[in-house]
Amino acid sequence: MNKNWLYIFIAVAFEIIWVTGLKHAYDLFTWTITIIATIGCTIFLIRGTKRLPVGTAYAVFAGSGAGGTVLVEMFVFHEPVSLGKLFFIALLLTGVIGLQIVTEESEVKGDEG
């Protein structure tokens, strides 16, 4: 995995934190973490899309973020777990992994990385 995909997955981690924070933040500290995660998500998503096709990178980002958020809600915050949810998360993640495997980096002139 190259560094651009790593940036996308760091953005996904931040996305999971801020989306979960929107539901569960209750004081200044938790809202501060939510805001920091939102900013971090944006920064790493922009960095990751410098050399990756934006459509593919965003599909991987959105799919991984959605799946990760559902998993966090189920296993950390005890939302109901069902085989249907797990099946469709697995299907979503299969598509995300497939997109990552078949996508090549593009060369951007004047960008050192």
Protein backbone atom coordinates (compact mmCIF):
# COMPACT_ATOMS: atom_id res chain seq x y z
CA MET A 1 0.00 0.00 0.00
CA ASN A 2 1.40 3.38 -0.94
CA LYS A 3 1.30 6.53 1.15
CA ASN A 4 -1.68 8.02 -0.70
CA TRP A 5 -3.88 5.07 0.26
CA LEU A 6 -2.50 5.35 3.78
CA TYR A 7 -3.68 8.98 3.86
CA ILE A 8 -7.15 7.86 2.73
CA PHE A 9 -7.35 5.28 5.52
CA ILE A 10 -6.14 7.80 8.11
CA ALA A 11 -8.94 10.08 6.84
CA VAL A 12 -11.35 7.15 7.30
CA ALA A 13 -10.24 6.74 10.92
CA PHE A 14 -10.83 10.44 11.54
CA GLU A 15 -14.20 10.21 9.79
CA ILE A 16 -15.32 7.37 12.04
CA ILE A 17 -14.32 9.44 15.08
CA TRP A 18 -16.11 12.63 14.01
CA VAL A 19 -19.27 10.92 12.79
CA THR A 20 -19.49 8.96 16.04
CA GLY A 21 -18.73 12.18 17.92
CA LEU A 22 -21.72 13.90 16.34
CA LYS A 23 -23.98 11.41 18.12
CA HIS A 24 -22.08 10.89 21.37
CA ALA A 25 -20.32 14.21 22.16
CA TYR A 26 -21.68 15.75 25.34
CA ASP A 27 -19.13 18.21 26.73
CA LEU A 28 -16.37 20.58 25.61
CA PHE A 29 -13.72 17.84 25.50
CA THR A 30 -15.73 15.42 23.34
CA TRP A 31 -16.86 18.23 21.02
CA THR A 32 -13.23 19.36 20.70
CA ILE A 33 -12.19 15.83 19.70
CA THR A 34 -15.03 15.77 17.16
CA ILE A 35 -13.90 19.08 15.62
CA ILE A 36 -10.24 18.01 15.52
CA ALA A 37 -11.25 14.74 13.84
CA THR A 38 -13.27 16.66 11.24
CA ILE A 39 -10.26 18.81 10.39
CA GLY A 40 -7.90 15.82 10.33
CA CYS A 41 -10.30 13.92 8.08
CA THR A 42 -10.38 16.78 5.58
CA ILE A 43 -6.61 17.28 5.57
CA PHE A 44 -5.80 13.59 5.01
CA LEU A 45 -8.53 13.14 2.39
CA ILE A 46 -7.09 16.07 0.41
CA ARG A 47 -3.55 14.69 0.72
CA GLY A 48 -4.67 11.23 -0.36
CA THR A 49 -6.43 12.46 -3.47
CA LYS A 50 -3.38 14.34 -4.78
CA ARG A 51 -2.30 11.31 -6.84
CA LEU A 52 -5.30 8.99 -6.73
CA PRO A 53 -8.38 9.30 -8.91
CA VAL A 54 -10.80 11.36 -6.84
CA GLY A 55 -13.85 9.22 -7.63
CA THR A 56 -12.17 5.99 -6.59
CA ALA A 57 -10.50 7.51 -3.54
CA TYR A 58 -13.79 9.03 -2.38
CA ALA A 59 -15.68 5.76 -2.93
CA VAL A 60 -13.11 3.92 -0.81
CA PHE A 61 -13.22 6.69 1.80
CA ALA A 62 -17.02 6.86 2.02
CA GLY A 63 -17.52 3.09 1.97
CA SER A 64 -14.86 2.40 4.57
CA GLY A 65 -16.08 5.25 6.75
CA ALA A 66 -19.68 4.08 6.62
CA GLY A 67 -18.77 0.46 7.33
CA GLY A 68 -16.38 1.44 10.11
CA THR A 69 -18.94 3.72 11.73
CA VAL A 70 -21.57 0.97 11.75
CA LEU A 71 -19.06 -1.47 13.28
CA VAL A 72 -18.05 1.03 15.98
CA GLU A 73 -21.71 1.67 16.80
CA MET A 74 -22.39 -2.08 17.06
CA PHE A 75 -19.35 -3.16 19.03
CA VAL A 76 -18.55 -0.09 21.14
CA PHE A 77 -21.97 1.49 21.67
CA HIS A 78 -23.99 -1.77 21.62
CA GLU A 79 -26.27 -1.05 18.67
CA PRO A 80 -28.15 -4.19 17.61
CA VAL A 81 -26.03 -6.62 15.57
CA SER A 82 -27.66 -8.56 12.77
CA LEU A 83 -26.42 -10.92 10.10
CA GLY A 84 -27.88 -8.60 7.47
CA LYS A 85 -25.79 -5.66 8.69
CA LEU A 86 -22.65 -7.77 8.84
CA PHE A 87 -23.29 -9.21 5.36
CA PHE A 88 -23.72 -5.80 3.73
CA ILE A 89 -20.71 -4.34 5.55
CA ALA A 90 -18.64 -7.26 4.24
CA LEU A 91 -20.03 -6.67 0.75
CA LEU A 92 -19.22 -2.95 0.99
CA LEU A 93 -15.69 -3.63 2.21
CA THR A 94 -15.16 -6.18 -0.59
CA GLY A 95 -15.98 -3.45 -3.11
CA VAL A 96 -13.70 -0.99 -1.33
CA ILE A 97 -10.78 -3.43 -1.36
CA GLY A 98 -11.46 -4.24 -5.01
CA LEU A 99 -11.37 -0.56 -5.96
CA GLN A 100 -8.10 -0.11 -4.13
CA ILE A 101 -6.53 -3.10 -5.86
CA VAL A 102 -7.46 -2.06 -9.41
CA THR A 103 -6.69 1.67 -9.06
CA GLU A 104 -3.36 3.03 -10.22
CA GLU A 105 -1.78 6.28 -9.09
CA SER A 106 -1.65 9.13 -11.56
CA GLU A 107 1.36 11.33 -11.94
CA VAL A 108 0.78 14.94 -10.95
CA LYS A 109 3.33 17.42 -12.29
CA GLY A 110 4.95 19.66 -9.73
CA ASP A 111 3.85 17.58 -6.74
CA GLU A 112 6.65 16.20 -4.60
CA GLY A 113 4.31 14.06 -2.57
